[in-house]
Amino acid sequence: MRIPLAAMFLLSISVAVGAERPEFVGYLSDHNGRLFIVYDGSAKECSVWMKLGQSWHGLTLIAFDPRDELLTVRDGAVAFQLSLRDPKVAAPSSVVLATSGTVRSEDGTVSYGPETKLRLRNNLISSPTGIMVTDRDQKIISGDVVIERPNGTVLKVTNGVVRVNGNQTSITGDSIESTTPGPASPHP
């Protein structure tokens, strides 16, 4: 069977492009050990906070070198190291504004101090654990988050992922607790 040269060239380009390499977004250390976040560029999705040994999108976290900030992951039978993203300014397409607190920008990821509050449309987003990051465009917010809505409803999301797509916002997490303010009680 003969394959035209142009078809072979296109086939080689599609194999070379393949899936995007995952990115090591961030990590934190606390009394329970270290937690890590990776980004899957092919799926355009950020993981939840994971421990060594856990898997997500076919990747298993197997080791971490804190001195060089290198995360070793395994994809099937292949193991490789991911370095922590380099600092970079967030893109201007952001739909999230920091209203208070500290912001640290790294290559493609923005991390926030524990006192930070973000404004997403009319909602305020903060983190009770001080663990909150976004992607470069600030359209994916990940971490333990508290979302205060204008009507007084408060959502507490553990290992949450808030995704913004145009006018749509989706919220997922390990657990979501909603509290709604009750009617004001009369004072004696």
N, C-alpha and C. Protein backbone atom coordinates (compact mmCIF):
# COMPACT_ATOMS: atom_id res chain seq x y z
N MET A 1 0.85 -1.18 0.00
CA MET A 1 0.00 0.00 0.00
C MET A 1 0.89 1.24 0.00
N ARG A 2 0.59 2.17 -0.87
CA ARG A 2 1.38 3.40 -0.96
C ARG A 2 0.62 4.52 -0.29
N ILE A 3 1.31 5.27 0.56
CA ILE A 3 0.72 6.43 1.23
C ILE A 3 1.36 7.66 0.62
N PRO A 4 0.54 8.59 0.12
CA PRO A 4 1.11 9.81 -0.46
C PRO A 4 2.01 10.53 0.55
N LEU A 5 3.04 11.17 0.06
CA LEU A 5 4.00 11.87 0.89
C LEU A 5 3.32 12.91 1.78
N ALA A 6 2.36 13.67 1.26
CA ALA A 6 1.66 14.68 2.05
C ALA A 6 0.91 14.04 3.21
N ALA A 7 0.30 12.88 2.99
CA ALA A 7 -0.43 12.19 4.07
C ALA A 7 0.54 11.73 5.14
N MET A 8 1.71 11.22 4.74
CA MET A 8 2.72 10.80 5.72
C MET A 8 3.20 12.00 6.53
N PHE A 9 3.40 13.14 5.91
CA PHE A 9 3.83 14.35 6.60
C PHE A 9 2.79 14.77 7.64
N LEU A 10 1.50 14.78 7.26
CA LEU A 10 0.45 15.15 8.20
C LEU A 10 0.36 14.17 9.34
N LEU A 11 0.53 12.87 9.06
CA LEU A 11 0.51 11.86 10.10
C LEU A 11 1.64 12.09 11.09
N SER A 12 2.83 12.41 10.60
CA SER A 12 3.96 12.63 11.49
C SER A 12 3.76 13.89 12.33
N ILE A 13 3.11 14.91 11.78
CA ILE A 13 2.84 16.12 12.57
C ILE A 13 1.85 15.80 13.69
N SER A 14 0.79 15.05 13.41
CA SER A 14 -0.21 14.77 14.44
C SER A 14 0.38 13.90 15.54
N VAL A 15 1.30 12.99 15.23
CA VAL A 15 1.94 12.17 16.25
C VAL A 15 2.89 13.03 17.07
N ALA A 16 3.62 13.94 16.43
CA ALA A 16 4.57 14.78 17.15
C ALA A 16 3.88 15.75 18.09
N VAL A 17 2.72 16.29 17.67
CA VAL A 17 2.02 17.25 18.52
C VAL A 17 1.47 16.53 19.74
N GLY A 18 0.70 15.44 19.53
CA GLY A 18 0.18 14.61 20.62
C GLY A 18 -0.46 15.41 21.73
N ALA A 19 -0.52 14.79 22.89
CA ALA A 19 -1.11 15.42 24.06
C ALA A 19 -0.11 16.36 24.71
N GLU A 20 -0.63 17.40 25.32
CA GLU A 20 0.24 18.34 26.03
C GLU A 20 0.78 17.69 27.30
N ARG A 21 1.99 18.03 27.65
CA ARG A 21 2.61 17.51 28.87
C ARG A 21 1.92 18.15 30.07
N PRO A 22 1.66 17.38 31.12
CA PRO A 22 1.03 17.99 32.31
C PRO A 22 1.97 19.01 32.94
N GLU A 23 1.41 19.92 33.72
CA GLU A 23 2.21 20.95 34.36
C GLU A 23 2.05 20.85 35.88
N PHE A 24 3.14 21.08 36.59
CA PHE A 24 3.16 21.09 38.06
C PHE A 24 2.79 22.51 38.49
N VAL A 25 1.59 22.68 39.00
CA VAL A 25 1.03 23.99 39.30
C VAL A 25 1.47 24.52 40.66
N GLY A 26 1.38 23.68 41.69
CA GLY A 26 1.73 24.18 43.02
C GLY A 26 1.69 23.09 44.06
N TYR A 27 2.19 23.42 45.23
CA TYR A 27 2.17 22.47 46.35
C TYR A 27 2.10 23.24 47.65
N LEU A 28 1.72 22.53 48.70
CA LEU A 28 1.71 23.12 50.03
C LEU A 28 2.09 22.04 51.03
N SER A 29 2.58 22.47 52.17
CA SER A 29 2.94 21.56 53.24
C SER A 29 2.18 21.96 54.48
N ASP A 30 1.65 20.96 55.19
CA ASP A 30 1.01 21.22 56.47
C ASP A 30 1.25 20.02 57.37
N HIS A 31 0.55 19.95 58.49
CA HIS A 31 0.76 18.87 59.45
C HIS A 31 0.43 17.49 58.88
N ASN A 32 -0.33 17.43 57.80
CA ASN A 32 -0.68 16.15 57.17
C ASN A 32 0.29 15.75 56.06
N GLY A 33 1.30 16.54 55.80
CA GLY A 33 2.24 16.25 54.72
C GLY A 33 2.12 17.26 53.60
N ARG A 34 2.49 16.85 52.40
CA ARG A 34 2.43 17.75 51.25
C ARG A 34 1.27 17.38 50.35
N LEU A 35 0.70 18.42 49.72
CA LEU A 35 -0.35 18.26 48.73
C LEU A 35 0.10 18.96 47.45
N PHE A 36 -0.32 18.43 46.31
CA PHE A 36 0.15 18.92 45.01
C PHE A 36 -1.04 19.15 44.07
N ILE A 37 -0.86 20.08 43.13
CA ILE A 37 -1.85 20.31 42.07
C ILE A 37 -1.11 20.25 40.74
N VAL A 38 -1.70 19.51 39.78
CA VAL A 38 -1.17 19.47 38.43
C VAL A 38 -2.26 19.94 37.46
N TYR A 39 -1.83 20.38 36.30
CA TYR A 39 -2.75 20.87 35.28
C TYR A 39 -2.63 20.00 34.04
N ASP A 40 -3.75 19.55 33.52
CA ASP A 40 -3.80 18.76 32.29
C ASP A 40 -4.17 19.71 31.16
N GLY A 41 -3.18 20.12 30.36
CA GLY A 41 -3.41 21.07 29.27
C GLY A 41 -4.30 20.52 28.17
N SER A 42 -4.26 19.21 27.95
CA SER A 42 -5.11 18.61 26.93
C SER A 42 -6.58 18.72 27.31
N ALA A 43 -6.88 18.46 28.59
CA ALA A 43 -8.26 18.54 29.07
C ALA A 43 -8.60 19.94 29.57
N LYS A 44 -7.57 20.81 29.67
CA LYS A 44 -7.73 22.16 30.22
C LYS A 44 -8.40 22.09 31.59
N GLU A 45 -7.80 21.26 32.45
CA GLU A 45 -8.38 21.00 33.76
C GLU A 45 -7.28 20.90 34.81
N CYS A 46 -7.56 21.47 35.98
CA CYS A 46 -6.64 21.44 37.11
C CYS A 46 -7.09 20.34 38.07
N SER A 47 -6.16 19.61 38.62
CA SER A 47 -6.51 18.56 39.59
C SER A 47 -6.95 19.19 40.91
N VAL A 48 -7.49 18.35 41.78
CA VAL A 48 -7.71 18.75 43.17
C VAL A 48 -6.38 18.56 43.89
N TRP A 49 -6.29 18.96 45.14
CA TRP A 49 -5.06 18.76 45.90
C TRP A 49 -4.87 17.26 46.08
N MET A 50 -3.68 16.74 45.76
CA MET A 50 -3.40 15.31 45.82
C MET A 50 -2.13 15.05 46.64
N LYS A 51 -2.09 13.84 47.22
CA LYS A 51 -0.90 13.37 47.95
C LYS A 51 -0.10 12.46 47.03
N LEU A 52 1.16 12.24 47.40
CA LEU A 52 1.98 11.28 46.66
C LEU A 52 1.26 9.93 46.69
N GLY A 53 1.31 9.23 45.57
CA GLY A 53 0.65 7.94 45.47
C GLY A 53 -0.74 8.02 44.85
N GLN A 54 -1.33 9.22 44.83
CA GLN A 54 -2.66 9.37 44.23
C GLN A 54 -2.55 9.58 42.73
N SER A 55 -3.63 9.22 42.03
CA SER A 55 -3.65 9.34 40.56
C SER A 55 -4.77 10.26 40.11
N TRP A 56 -4.57 10.88 38.95
CA TRP A 56 -5.55 11.76 38.34
C TRP A 56 -5.26 11.83 36.85
N HIS A 57 -6.26 11.64 36.01
CA HIS A 57 -6.12 11.66 34.55
C HIS A 57 -4.99 10.77 34.06
N GLY A 58 -4.81 9.61 34.70
CA GLY A 58 -3.78 8.67 34.28
C GLY A 58 -2.39 8.95 34.83
N LEU A 59 -2.23 10.06 35.55
CA LEU A 59 -0.93 10.40 36.16
C LEU A 59 -0.93 9.97 37.62
N THR A 60 0.17 9.37 38.06
CA THR A 60 0.32 9.02 39.47
C THR A 60 1.50 9.81 40.02
N LEU A 61 1.29 10.50 41.14
CA LEU A 61 2.36 11.26 41.78
C LEU A 61 3.21 10.28 42.57
N ILE A 62 4.53 10.21 42.28
CA ILE A 62 5.35 9.19 42.94
C ILE A 62 6.46 9.73 43.83
N ALA A 63 6.95 10.95 43.60
CA ALA A 63 8.02 11.49 44.45
C ALA A 63 8.08 13.00 44.31
N PHE A 64 8.67 13.64 45.34
CA PHE A 64 8.85 15.09 45.30
C PHE A 64 10.20 15.45 45.87
N ASP A 65 10.94 16.31 45.17
CA ASP A 65 12.22 16.83 45.63
C ASP A 65 11.99 18.28 46.03
N PRO A 66 11.86 18.56 47.36
CA PRO A 66 11.54 19.92 47.79
C PRO A 66 12.65 20.93 47.52
N ARG A 67 13.90 20.49 47.51
CA ARG A 67 15.00 21.42 47.28
C ARG A 67 14.92 22.02 45.88
N ASP A 68 14.67 21.18 44.87
CA ASP A 68 14.59 21.66 43.49
C ASP A 68 13.16 21.84 43.00
N GLU A 69 12.20 21.59 43.87
CA GLU A 69 10.77 21.68 43.55
C GLU A 69 10.44 20.89 42.28
N LEU A 70 10.81 19.60 42.30
CA LEU A 70 10.56 18.70 41.19
C LEU A 70 9.58 17.62 41.63
N LEU A 71 8.52 17.45 40.88
CA LEU A 71 7.51 16.43 41.15
C LEU A 71 7.69 15.31 40.13
N THR A 72 7.89 14.08 40.61
CA THR A 72 8.02 12.94 39.71
C THR A 72 6.65 12.29 39.58
N VAL A 73 6.22 12.10 38.33
CA VAL A 73 4.92 11.50 38.05
C VAL A 73 5.12 10.31 37.11
N ARG A 74 4.14 9.42 37.12
CA ARG A 74 4.17 8.28 36.21
C ARG A 74 2.91 8.33 35.35
N ASP A 75 3.11 8.17 34.06
CA ASP A 75 2.01 8.08 33.10
C ASP A 75 2.15 6.72 32.44
N GLY A 76 1.37 5.73 32.90
CA GLY A 76 1.53 4.36 32.43
C GLY A 76 2.85 3.82 32.95
N ALA A 77 3.71 3.37 32.05
CA ALA A 77 5.01 2.82 32.45
C ALA A 77 6.11 3.88 32.44
N VAL A 78 5.81 5.10 32.01
CA VAL A 78 6.82 6.15 31.86
C VAL A 78 6.77 7.10 33.05
N ALA A 79 7.91 7.28 33.71
CA ALA A 79 8.03 8.24 34.82
C ALA A 79 8.86 9.42 34.33
N PHE A 80 8.47 10.63 34.76
CA PHE A 80 9.21 11.83 34.40
C PHE A 80 9.01 12.89 35.47
N GLN A 81 9.88 13.90 35.45
CA GLN A 81 9.82 14.96 36.45
C GLN A 81 9.20 16.21 35.86
N LEU A 82 8.43 16.88 36.71
CA LEU A 82 7.85 18.17 36.35
C LEU A 82 8.40 19.21 37.31
N SER A 83 8.89 20.31 36.78
CA SER A 83 9.36 21.39 37.65
C SER A 83 8.21 22.36 37.90
N LEU A 84 8.26 23.01 39.05
CA LEU A 84 7.24 23.99 39.41
C LEU A 84 7.28 25.13 38.40
N ARG A 85 6.13 25.60 38.01
CA ARG A 85 6.05 26.68 37.01
C ARG A 85 6.83 27.91 37.45
N ASP A 86 7.41 28.61 36.48
CA ASP A 86 8.13 29.85 36.75
C ASP A 86 7.16 31.01 36.91
N PRO A 87 7.56 32.07 37.63
CA PRO A 87 6.66 33.23 37.78
C PRO A 87 6.27 33.84 36.44
N LYS A 88 5.01 34.26 36.35
CA LYS A 88 4.50 34.89 35.14
C LYS A 88 3.27 35.70 35.51
N VAL A 89 3.06 36.82 34.85
CA VAL A 89 1.92 37.68 35.13
C VAL A 89 0.66 37.07 34.53
N ALA A 90 -0.47 37.18 35.26
CA ALA A 90 -1.74 36.65 34.77
C ALA A 90 -2.19 37.39 33.52
N ALA A 91 -2.89 36.67 32.67
CA ALA A 91 -3.38 37.26 31.42
C ALA A 91 -4.50 38.25 31.70
N PRO A 92 -4.69 39.23 30.83
CA PRO A 92 -5.70 40.24 31.05
C PRO A 92 -7.13 39.75 30.84
N SER A 93 -7.32 38.49 30.40
CA SER A 93 -8.67 37.98 30.18
C SER A 93 -9.33 37.52 31.47
N SER A 94 -8.74 37.83 32.60
CA SER A 94 -9.24 37.38 33.89
C SER A 94 -10.68 37.84 34.14
N VAL A 95 -11.46 36.94 34.74
CA VAL A 95 -12.82 37.29 35.15
C VAL A 95 -12.89 37.40 36.67
N VAL A 96 -11.75 37.18 37.34
CA VAL A 96 -11.67 37.23 38.79
C VAL A 96 -10.82 38.43 39.20
N LEU A 97 -11.26 39.15 40.19
CA LEU A 97 -10.49 40.28 40.71
C LEU A 97 -10.17 40.03 42.19
N ALA A 98 -8.93 40.24 42.58
CA ALA A 98 -8.58 40.14 43.99
C ALA A 98 -9.00 41.45 44.65
N THR A 99 -9.88 41.36 45.64
CA THR A 99 -10.34 42.57 46.32
C THR A 99 -9.49 42.89 47.54
N SER A 100 -8.81 41.90 48.09
CA SER A 100 -7.90 42.11 49.21
C SER A 100 -6.97 40.93 49.29
N GLY A 101 -5.86 41.09 50.03
CA GLY A 101 -4.95 39.99 50.25
C GLY A 101 -3.76 40.00 49.32
N THR A 102 -3.00 38.90 49.39
CA THR A 102 -1.77 38.79 48.60
C THR A 102 -1.97 37.82 47.45
N VAL A 103 -1.30 38.14 46.35
CA VAL A 103 -1.40 37.34 45.13
C VAL A 103 0.01 37.04 44.65
N ARG A 104 0.26 35.78 44.30
CA ARG A 104 1.57 35.39 43.76
C ARG A 104 1.32 34.72 42.42
N SER A 105 1.96 35.21 41.39
CA SER A 105 1.77 34.67 40.06
C SER A 105 2.99 33.86 39.65
N GLU A 106 2.73 32.62 39.19
CA GLU A 106 3.77 31.76 38.66
C GLU A 106 3.31 31.31 37.29
N ASP A 107 4.19 30.82 36.48
CA ASP A 107 3.89 30.45 35.10
C ASP A 107 2.54 29.73 34.98
N GLY A 108 1.55 30.48 34.58
CA GLY A 108 0.24 29.90 34.34
C GLY A 108 -0.62 29.71 35.56
N THR A 109 -0.10 29.97 36.75
CA THR A 109 -0.87 29.77 37.98
C THR A 109 -0.77 30.99 38.86
N VAL A 110 -1.88 31.32 39.48
CA VAL A 110 -1.91 32.41 40.44
C VAL A 110 -2.29 31.80 41.78
N SER A 111 -1.48 32.03 42.81
CA SER A 111 -1.81 31.53 44.14
C SER A 111 -2.10 32.72 45.05
N TYR A 112 -2.93 32.48 46.04
CA TYR A 112 -3.45 33.55 46.89
C TYR A 112 -3.12 33.28 48.35
N GLY A 113 -2.83 34.36 49.09
CA GLY A 113 -2.59 34.25 50.51
C GLY A 113 -3.88 33.91 51.24
N PRO A 114 -3.77 33.45 52.50
CA PRO A 114 -4.96 33.02 53.24
C PRO A 114 -5.96 34.14 53.51
N GLU A 115 -5.54 35.37 53.47
CA GLU A 115 -6.43 36.49 53.75
C GLU A 115 -7.09 37.05 52.49
N THR A 116 -6.82 36.46 51.35
CA THR A 116 -7.28 36.99 50.07
C THR A 116 -8.77 36.72 49.83
N LYS A 117 -9.43 37.73 49.27
CA LYS A 117 -10.81 37.58 48.81
C LYS A 117 -10.83 37.91 47.33
N LEU A 118 -11.49 37.05 46.56
CA LEU A 118 -11.63 37.25 45.12
C LEU A 118 -13.07 37.62 44.81
N ARG A 119 -13.25 38.45 43.80
CA ARG A 119 -14.59 38.78 43.33
C ARG A 119 -14.78 38.12 41.98
N LEU A 120 -15.79 37.25 41.90
CA LEU A 120 -16.20 36.61 40.66
C LEU A 120 -17.64 37.05 40.42
N ARG A 121 -17.79 37.97 39.49
CA ARG A 121 -19.08 38.63 39.26
C ARG A 121 -19.51 39.27 40.59
N ASN A 122 -20.64 38.89 41.16
CA ASN A 122 -21.08 39.50 42.43
C ASN A 122 -20.79 38.62 43.63
N ASN A 123 -20.01 37.57 43.47
CA ASN A 123 -19.70 36.65 44.55
C ASN A 123 -18.30 36.93 45.10
N LEU A 124 -18.12 36.72 46.40
CA LEU A 124 -16.80 36.80 47.01
C LEU A 124 -16.32 35.39 47.28
N ILE A 125 -15.07 35.10 46.92
CA ILE A 125 -14.50 33.78 47.12
C ILE A 125 -13.26 33.92 48.00
N SER A 126 -13.19 33.09 49.02
CA SER A 126 -12.02 33.07 49.90
C SER A 126 -11.73 31.61 50.26
N SER A 127 -10.67 31.39 51.00
CA SER A 127 -10.32 30.04 51.41
C SER A 127 -10.11 29.98 52.91
N PRO A 128 -10.89 29.15 53.62
CA PRO A 128 -10.73 29.05 55.06
C PRO A 128 -9.40 28.43 55.46
N THR A 129 -8.79 27.66 54.55
CA THR A 129 -7.51 27.02 54.84
C THR A 129 -6.34 27.79 54.23
N GLY A 130 -6.65 28.84 53.46
CA GLY A 130 -5.58 29.61 52.82
C GLY A 130 -4.99 28.90 51.62
N ILE A 131 -5.73 27.93 51.08
CA ILE A 131 -5.25 27.14 49.96
C ILE A 131 -6.15 27.42 48.76
N MET A 132 -5.69 28.28 47.86
CA MET A 132 -6.51 28.62 46.70
C MET A 132 -5.59 29.06 45.57
N VAL A 133 -5.78 28.47 44.38
CA VAL A 133 -5.00 28.84 43.20
C VAL A 133 -5.95 28.95 42.01
N THR A 134 -5.50 29.65 40.98
CA THR A 134 -6.25 29.72 39.73
C THR A 134 -5.29 29.48 38.57
N ASP A 135 -5.87 29.21 37.41
CA ASP A 135 -5.07 29.12 36.21
C ASP A 135 -4.71 30.53 35.75
N ARG A 136 -3.92 30.64 34.71
CA ARG A 136 -3.45 31.93 34.21
C ARG A 136 -4.59 32.88 33.89
N ASP A 137 -5.65 32.38 33.26
CA ASP A 137 -6.78 33.24 32.90
C ASP A 137 -7.76 33.43 34.04
N GLN A 138 -7.48 32.81 35.16
CA GLN A 138 -8.32 32.88 36.35
C GLN A 138 -9.75 32.46 36.02
N LYS A 139 -9.87 31.40 35.25
CA LYS A 139 -11.18 30.84 34.91
C LYS A 139 -11.38 29.50 35.61
N ILE A 140 -10.34 29.00 36.29
CA ILE A 140 -10.43 27.79 37.09
C ILE A 140 -9.86 28.13 38.47
N ILE A 141 -10.68 28.05 39.49
CA ILE A 141 -10.25 28.33 40.86
C ILE A 141 -10.27 26.99 41.58
N SER A 142 -9.18 26.65 42.26
CA SER A 142 -9.08 25.35 42.91
C SER A 142 -8.63 25.51 44.34
N GLY A 143 -9.14 24.65 45.21
CA GLY A 143 -8.76 24.64 46.61
C GLY A 143 -9.98 24.52 47.50
N ASP A 144 -9.77 24.66 48.80
CA ASP A 144 -10.88 24.72 49.74
C ASP A 144 -11.40 26.15 49.66
N VAL A 145 -12.65 26.32 49.25
CA VAL A 145 -13.15 27.68 49.03
C VAL A 145 -14.48 27.91 49.75
N VAL A 146 -14.69 29.17 50.08
CA VAL A 146 -15.96 29.65 50.60
C VAL A 146 -16.46 30.69 49.61
N ILE A 147 -17.70 30.51 49.13
CA ILE A 147 -18.28 31.43 48.16
C ILE A 147 -19.45 32.13 48.82
N GLU A 148 -19.33 33.46 48.95
CA GLU A 148 -20.39 34.27 49.55
C GLU A 148 -21.18 34.91 48.42
N ARG A 149 -22.46 34.58 48.34
CA ARG A 149 -23.32 35.11 47.28
C ARG A 149 -24.03 36.37 47.77
N PRO A 150 -24.45 37.24 46.86
CA PRO A 150 -25.10 38.50 47.24
C PRO A 150 -26.36 38.31 48.09
N ASN A 151 -27.06 37.20 47.93
CA ASN A 151 -28.28 36.96 48.71
C ASN A 151 -28.00 36.45 50.12
N GLY A 152 -26.73 36.32 50.48
CA GLY A 152 -26.35 35.87 51.82
C GLY A 152 -26.05 34.38 51.89
N THR A 153 -26.34 33.63 50.84
CA THR A 153 -26.03 32.21 50.82
C THR A 153 -24.51 32.02 50.81
N VAL A 154 -24.04 31.06 51.59
CA VAL A 154 -22.61 30.76 51.66
C VAL A 154 -22.42 29.30 51.29
N LEU A 155 -21.52 29.06 50.32
CA LEU A 155 -21.15 27.70 49.93
C LEU A 155 -19.75 27.43 50.46
N LYS A 156 -19.60 26.31 51.19
CA LYS A 156 -18.27 25.87 51.63
C LYS A 156 -17.95 24.62 50.84
N VAL A 157 -16.85 24.67 50.06
CA VAL A 157 -16.50 23.58 49.16
C VAL A 157 -15.11 23.05 49.54
N THR A 158 -15.04 21.76 49.83
CA THR A 158 -13.78 21.11 50.15
C THR A 158 -13.18 20.54 48.87
N ASN A 159 -11.89 20.78 48.65
CA ASN A 159 -11.22 20.36 47.41
C ASN A 159 -12.04 20.79 46.21
N GLY A 160 -12.41 22.04 46.20
CA GLY A 160 -13.30 22.55 45.17
C GLY A 160 -12.60 22.97 43.90
N VAL A 161 -13.37 22.92 42.81
CA VAL A 161 -12.93 23.44 41.53
C VAL A 161 -14.08 24.29 40.99
N VAL A 162 -13.82 25.58 40.82
CA VAL A 162 -14.81 26.50 40.25
C VAL A 162 -14.34 26.80 38.84
N ARG A 163 -15.19 26.51 37.86
CA ARG A 163 -14.85 26.75 36.45
C ARG A 163 -15.77 27.82 35.88
N VAL A 164 -15.17 28.78 35.19
CA VAL A 164 -15.93 29.85 34.56
C VAL A 164 -15.81 29.68 33.05
N ASN A 165 -16.95 29.58 32.38
CA ASN A 165 -16.98 29.45 30.94
C ASN A 165 -18.02 30.43 30.42
N GLY A 166 -17.56 31.60 29.98
CA GLY A 166 -18.50 32.65 29.55
C GLY A 166 -19.33 33.11 30.73
N ASN A 167 -20.65 33.02 30.59
CA ASN A 167 -21.54 33.40 31.69
C ASN A 167 -21.89 32.24 32.60
N GLN A 168 -21.36 31.05 32.32
CA GLN A 168 -21.64 29.86 33.12
C GLN A 168 -20.54 29.65 34.15
N THR A 169 -20.94 29.26 35.36
CA THR A 169 -19.99 28.91 36.41
C THR A 169 -20.39 27.56 36.96
N SER A 170 -19.44 26.62 37.02
CA SER A 170 -19.73 25.32 37.63
C SER A 170 -18.84 25.14 38.85
N ILE A 171 -19.38 24.45 39.84
CA ILE A 171 -18.66 24.22 41.09
C ILE A 171 -18.72 22.73 41.40
N THR A 172 -17.55 22.11 41.59
CA THR A 172 -17.49 20.72 42.01
C THR A 172 -16.54 20.63 43.19
N GLY A 173 -16.64 19.56 43.96
CA GLY A 173 -15.75 19.37 45.09
C GLY A 173 -16.03 18.06 45.79
N ASP A 174 -15.17 17.74 46.75
CA ASP A 174 -15.38 16.53 47.55
C ASP A 174 -16.64 16.67 48.38
N SER A 175 -16.87 17.87 48.90
CA SER A 175 -18.12 18.13 49.63
C SER A 175 -18.49 19.60 49.45
N ILE A 176 -19.80 19.83 49.37
CA ILE A 176 -20.32 21.20 49.23
C ILE A 176 -21.40 21.38 50.28
N GLU A 177 -21.22 22.38 51.12
CA GLU A 177 -22.18 22.69 52.18
C GLU A 177 -22.74 24.09 51.90
N SER A 178 -24.06 24.20 51.92
CA SER A 178 -24.70 25.48 51.64
C SER A 178 -25.47 25.94 52.87
N THR A 179 -25.26 27.20 53.25
CA THR A 179 -26.05 27.78 54.33
C THR A 179 -26.72 29.04 53.81
N THR A 180 -27.99 29.17 54.15
CA THR A 180 -28.78 30.32 53.72
C THR A 180 -29.19 31.09 54.96
N PRO A 181 -29.06 32.40 54.94
CA PRO A 181 -29.45 33.16 56.12
C PRO A 181 -30.97 33.03 56.38
N GLY A 182 -31.32 32.85 57.62
CA GLY A 182 -32.73 32.77 57.98
C GLY A 182 -33.28 34.16 58.20
N PRO A 183 -34.58 34.24 58.45
CA PRO A 183 -35.17 35.54 58.74
C PRO A 183 -34.59 36.13 60.02
N ALA A 184 -34.46 37.43 60.02
CA ALA A 184 -33.90 38.11 61.19
C ALA A 184 -34.85 37.90 62.37
N SER A 185 -34.26 37.55 63.52
CA SER A 185 -35.11 37.36 64.71
C SER A 185 -35.25 38.69 65.43
N PRO A 186 -36.45 38.92 66.00
CA PRO A 186 -36.66 40.18 66.71
C PRO A 186 -35.81 40.24 67.96
N HIS A 187 -35.33 41.43 68.26
CA HIS A 187 -34.54 41.63 69.47
C HIS A 187 -35.45 41.90 70.64
N PRO A 188 -35.15 41.32 71.81
CA PRO A 188 -36.01 41.55 72.99
C PRO A 188 -35.98 42.99 73.46
